[in-house]
Protein backbone atom coordinates (compact mmCIF):
# COMPACT_ATOMS: atom_id res chain seq x y z
CA MET A 1 -0.86 240.34 292.83
CA VAL A 2 -1.84 236.83 292.02
CA ARG A 3 -6.39 236.97 291.83
CA GLN A 4 -7.64 233.28 292.81
CA LEU A 5 -11.31 232.25 291.35
CA LEU A 6 -13.22 229.33 292.28
CA VAL A 7 -15.30 228.79 288.63
CA THR A 8 -17.44 226.03 288.12
CA CYS A 9 -18.38 223.91 284.99
CA ALA A 10 -20.49 221.34 283.12
CA ILE A 11 -19.97 218.57 281.89
CA ILE A 12 -22.44 218.22 279.48
CA GLU A 13 -22.94 214.80 276.89
CA ARG A 14 -25.23 214.09 274.13
CA ASP A 15 -25.04 211.15 271.87
CA GLY A 16 -21.33 210.84 272.51
CA LYS A 17 -20.40 214.69 271.99
CA TYR A 18 -19.47 217.47 275.16
CA LEU A 19 -21.07 220.42 275.09
CA LEU A 20 -18.32 223.50 274.40
CA THR A 21 -18.69 227.59 274.17
CA GLN A 22 -16.95 230.35 272.78
CA ARG A 23 -16.00 232.92 274.93
CA GLN A 24 -16.87 236.40 274.33
CA LYS A 25 -14.37 238.54 272.21
CA ASP A 26 -14.28 241.22 274.71
CA ALA A 27 -13.51 238.92 277.98
CA ARG A 28 -10.60 237.56 279.50
CA ASN A 29 -9.16 234.00 276.78
CA GLY A 30 -11.85 236.46 274.38
CA LEU A 31 -12.89 234.00 271.55
CA ARG A 32 -11.23 230.48 273.17
CA TRP A 33 -13.37 227.30 274.12
CA GLU A 34 -14.43 225.98 276.87
CA PHE A 35 -16.58 223.63 279.42
CA PRO A 36 -19.66 226.36 280.11
CA GLY A 37 -20.41 227.44 283.88
CA GLY A 38 -18.43 230.66 285.71
CA GLN A 39 -17.19 232.21 288.92
CA LEU A 40 -18.59 231.47 292.47
CA GLU A 41 -20.80 234.51 294.50
CA GLN A 42 -20.35 235.04 298.38
CA GLY A 43 -21.70 232.63 299.54
CA GLU A 44 -23.28 230.80 296.71
CA SER A 45 -22.38 226.65 296.49
CA PRO A 46 -20.39 225.47 293.45
CA ARG A 47 -23.96 223.65 292.25
CA ASP A 48 -25.67 226.15 292.89
CA CYS A 49 -23.37 228.40 291.30
CA LEU A 50 -23.58 225.70 288.80
CA VAL A 51 -26.82 226.01 287.98
CA ARG A 52 -27.17 229.78 288.06
CA GLU A 53 -24.40 230.15 285.53
CA ILE A 54 -26.16 227.39 282.88
CA GLU A 55 -29.00 229.50 282.69
CA GLU A 56 -28.03 232.76 282.61
CA GLU A 57 -25.10 232.10 279.67
CA LEU A 58 -27.25 229.62 277.88
CA GLY A 59 -31.50 229.66 278.65
CA VAL A 60 -31.12 225.92 280.03
CA ALA A 61 -32.06 224.06 283.22
CA ILE A 62 -29.82 221.51 284.26
CA GLU A 63 -28.92 219.18 287.14
CA ALA A 64 -25.07 219.30 288.56
CA ASP A 65 -24.80 215.31 289.56
CA ASP A 66 -21.27 214.39 290.43
CA VAL A 67 -17.95 216.05 290.95
CA PHE A 68 -16.02 215.27 287.07
CA ASP A 69 -12.55 216.25 288.03
CA VAL A 70 -10.55 219.42 289.55
CA SER A 71 -7.73 221.55 287.62
CA SER A 72 -5.79 224.25 289.21
CA CYS A 73 -4.12 226.76 286.59
CA ALA A 74 -2.24 229.59 286.66
CA TYR A 75 -2.67 232.50 283.93
CA GLU A 76 0.40 234.72 284.99
CA LYS A 77 -0.79 237.41 281.96
CA LEU A 78 -3.43 237.84 283.24
CA GLY A 79 -2.48 237.97 287.04
CA LEU A 80 -5.11 235.04 288.27
CA HIS A 81 -5.24 231.82 289.48
CA VAL A 82 -7.90 229.78 288.57
CA VAL A 83 -9.20 226.78 290.56
CA LEU A 84 -11.67 225.00 288.16
CA LEU A 85 -14.64 222.72 289.40
CA ALA A 86 -16.28 220.13 286.93
CA PHE A 87 -19.04 218.26 287.76
CA ARG A 88 -20.74 216.03 285.28
CA CYS A 89 -23.96 217.32 284.32
CA ARG A 90 -27.40 217.16 282.59
CA ILE A 91 -30.02 219.36 280.83
CA LEU A 92 -33.44 218.95 282.44
CA GLU A 93 -35.06 221.59 279.65
CA GLY A 94 -34.77 224.42 277.72
CA VAL A 95 -33.18 225.02 274.21
CA ILE A 96 -29.77 226.45 274.31
CA VAL A 97 -29.38 230.42 273.40
CA LYS A 98 -26.23 232.39 272.88
CA ARG A 99 -27.25 234.70 276.07
CA CYS A 100 -23.69 235.74 277.12
CA ILE A 101 -21.19 233.77 274.81
CA LYS A 102 -19.82 234.15 270.93
CA ASP A 103 -21.17 230.55 269.82
CA TYR A 104 -21.38 227.00 271.37
CA ALA A 105 -20.27 223.11 269.95
CA TRP A 106 -20.90 219.36 270.53
CA VAL A 107 -17.79 217.78 270.56
CA ALA A 108 -16.00 214.28 270.63
CA PRO A 109 -13.65 214.07 272.59
CA ASP A 110 -10.75 213.38 269.75
CA LYS A 111 -12.37 216.26 267.77
CA MET A 112 -11.42 218.85 270.74
CA ASP A 113 -7.88 219.43 269.65
CA THR A 114 -9.17 221.78 266.97
CA TYR A 115 -11.04 224.10 269.20
CA ASP A 116 -8.51 226.69 271.16
CA ILE A 117 -9.58 225.46 274.44
CA THR A 118 -8.44 227.33 277.67
CA GLU A 119 -5.92 225.73 279.94
CA ALA A 120 -7.48 224.96 282.99
CA ASP A 121 -10.15 222.69 280.78
CA LEU A 122 -7.15 220.86 278.66
CA PRO A 123 -7.37 218.25 282.22
CA PHE A 124 -10.98 217.66 281.96
CA VAL A 125 -10.22 217.32 277.85
CA GLU A 126 -7.61 214.43 278.65
CA LYS A 127 -9.88 212.70 280.57
CA LEU A 128 -12.89 212.20 278.77
CA LEU A 129 -10.48 211.34 276.57
CA ALA A 130 -9.17 208.50 278.23
CA GLU A 131 -12.82 207.40 278.91
CA HIS A 132 -13.64 206.95 275.87
CA ARG A 133 -10.33 205.47 275.07
CA ASP A 134 -11.94 202.76 277.58
């Protein structure tokens, strides 16, 4: 049986670069890179989820603005179907702390292909590349 997850992620830009985080070694998709975020809890709105997850994982307060895009990805080996809702976000206050991640990096879209990014996040990389070409 395939488990379906609704997950949110933050597209945070600083000086033409975007925040990517590396998953912990023992997590699903361990050591792979993604846009930061997490799973919705029961009764939680996607924006509230994202604000909570970023504070828990990175120790910063954010504002979730417009929806950036949505992706849908089946991870057959993991028995998961992930629907990933991305929001454009900005950091309101705080300094990034690696609480629930292995690492983080600010990466230009044209350099993201050097990172092992999760499949669910790849459509967002493509969209950022297209935006920066225009």
